[in-house]
Protein backbone atom coordinates (compact mmCIF):
# COMPACT_ATOMS: atom_id res chain seq x y z
CA MET A 1 -26.20 9.75 3.03
CA LYS A 2 -25.37 11.00 -0.79
CA THR A 3 -25.46 8.28 -2.90
CA MET A 4 -23.51 8.42 -7.01
CA SER A 5 -22.85 5.72 -9.68
CA VAL A 6 -19.63 4.86 -10.26
CA GLY A 7 -19.61 6.74 -13.43
CA GLU A 8 -20.58 10.10 -11.42
CA PHE A 9 -18.08 9.39 -8.84
CA LYS A 10 -15.18 8.93 -10.98
CA ALA A 11 -16.27 12.08 -12.99
CA LYS A 12 -16.48 14.46 -9.83
CA PHE A 13 -13.65 12.86 -7.90
CA SER A 14 -12.10 16.26 -6.71
CA ASP A 15 -15.40 17.44 -5.58
CA VAL A 16 -16.64 14.28 -3.81
CA ILE A 17 -13.27 14.79 -1.77
CA ALA A 18 -14.17 18.25 -0.92
CA GLN A 19 -17.20 16.71 -0.24
CA VAL A 20 -15.91 14.25 2.15
CA LYS A 21 -13.65 16.40 4.20
CA ALA A 22 -16.21 18.54 4.95
CA GLY A 23 -17.99 15.86 6.45
CA GLU A 24 -19.75 14.30 3.80
CA GLU A 25 -20.46 10.71 3.53
CA ILE A 26 -20.75 9.31 -0.20
CA ALA A 27 -22.36 5.75 -0.78
CA VAL A 28 -21.03 4.90 -4.57
CA THR A 29 -23.48 2.54 -6.64
CA PHE A 30 -23.01 0.00 -9.46
CA GLY A 31 -25.22 -1.18 -12.45
CA LYS A 32 -28.75 -1.32 -13.56
CA LYS A 33 -30.26 -1.65 -9.82
CA LYS A 34 -27.84 0.62 -8.44
CA GLU A 35 -26.62 -1.74 -5.77
CA ILE A 36 -24.05 0.16 -3.48
CA ILE A 37 -20.78 -1.16 -3.16
CA GLY A 38 -19.41 0.83 -1.06
CA TYR A 39 -18.61 4.16 0.96
CA PHE A 40 -16.46 7.00 1.15
CA LYS A 41 -16.50 8.28 4.59
CA PRO A 42 -14.71 10.85 6.36
CA GLU A 43 -11.18 9.57 8.62
CA HIS A 44 -12.99 10.79 11.65
CA SER A 45 -16.26 8.88 11.40
CA ARG A 46 -14.29 5.83 11.15
CA ALA A 47 -11.33 6.41 13.76
CA LYS A 48 -14.38 6.70 16.66
CA ARG A 49 -15.45 3.03 15.95
CA ASP A 50 -11.73 2.07 15.88
CA ARG A 51 -11.01 3.46 19.25
CA VAL A 52 -12.42 0.93 21.93
CA GLU A 53 -9.99 -2.28 21.92
CA ARG A 54 -10.91 -4.84 23.70
CA PRO A 55 -7.80 -7.52 24.82
CA LEU A 56 -7.29 -10.97 22.85
CA GLY A 57 -7.64 -12.65 26.65
CA PRO A 58 -4.29 -14.71 27.38
CA LEU A 59 -2.80 -12.01 24.65
CA LYS A 60 -3.36 -9.47 26.19
CA HIS A 61 0.28 -8.61 27.42
CA LEU A 62 1.46 -8.72 23.88
CA GLY A 63 -0.57 -5.62 22.83
CA TYR A 64 -2.65 -8.58 20.33
CA TYR A 65 -6.43 -6.45 20.46
CA MET A 66 -9.27 -7.07 18.14
CA ALA A 67 -11.77 -4.23 16.69
CA GLU A 68 -14.81 -3.90 18.39
CA ASP A 69 -16.95 -4.35 15.04
CA PHE A 70 -15.16 -8.06 14.61
CA CYS A 71 -18.04 -10.51 14.16
CA GLU A 72 -17.46 -14.34 14.59
CA THR A 73 -18.50 -16.91 11.94
CA THR A 74 -21.96 -18.53 13.08
CA GLU A 75 -22.26 -22.32 12.45
CA GLU A 76 -24.77 -22.10 9.89
CA GLU A 77 -22.07 -20.07 7.65
CA PHE A 78 -19.79 -23.61 7.93
CA SER A 79 -22.79 -26.38 8.15
CA ILE A 80 -21.85 -29.34 8.10
CA ILE A 81 -23.80 -32.18 6.79
CA ASP A 82 -23.91 -35.73 8.70
CA SER A 83 -24.91 -38.94 5.76
CA SER A 84 -24.48 -40.81 8.62
CA LEU A 85 -28.06 -39.61 10.11
């Protein structure tokens, strides 16, 4: 996977579009630490992941589905501090 800064991405946008159409995946970086802030990928890589559908139990007959990469929250993310302990 190729990486490029936001400035380079902006300056070479037309070239980036051509590369992505050809199947290349590009990570966009930002700041002095060059942290990855996003990815520019061809549609076919996303579509492959989204094809698997998981029915939502009793809502199945209504046509509601959850994406395969859906992740539920954990107790750690919503920790409750009990001061009575």
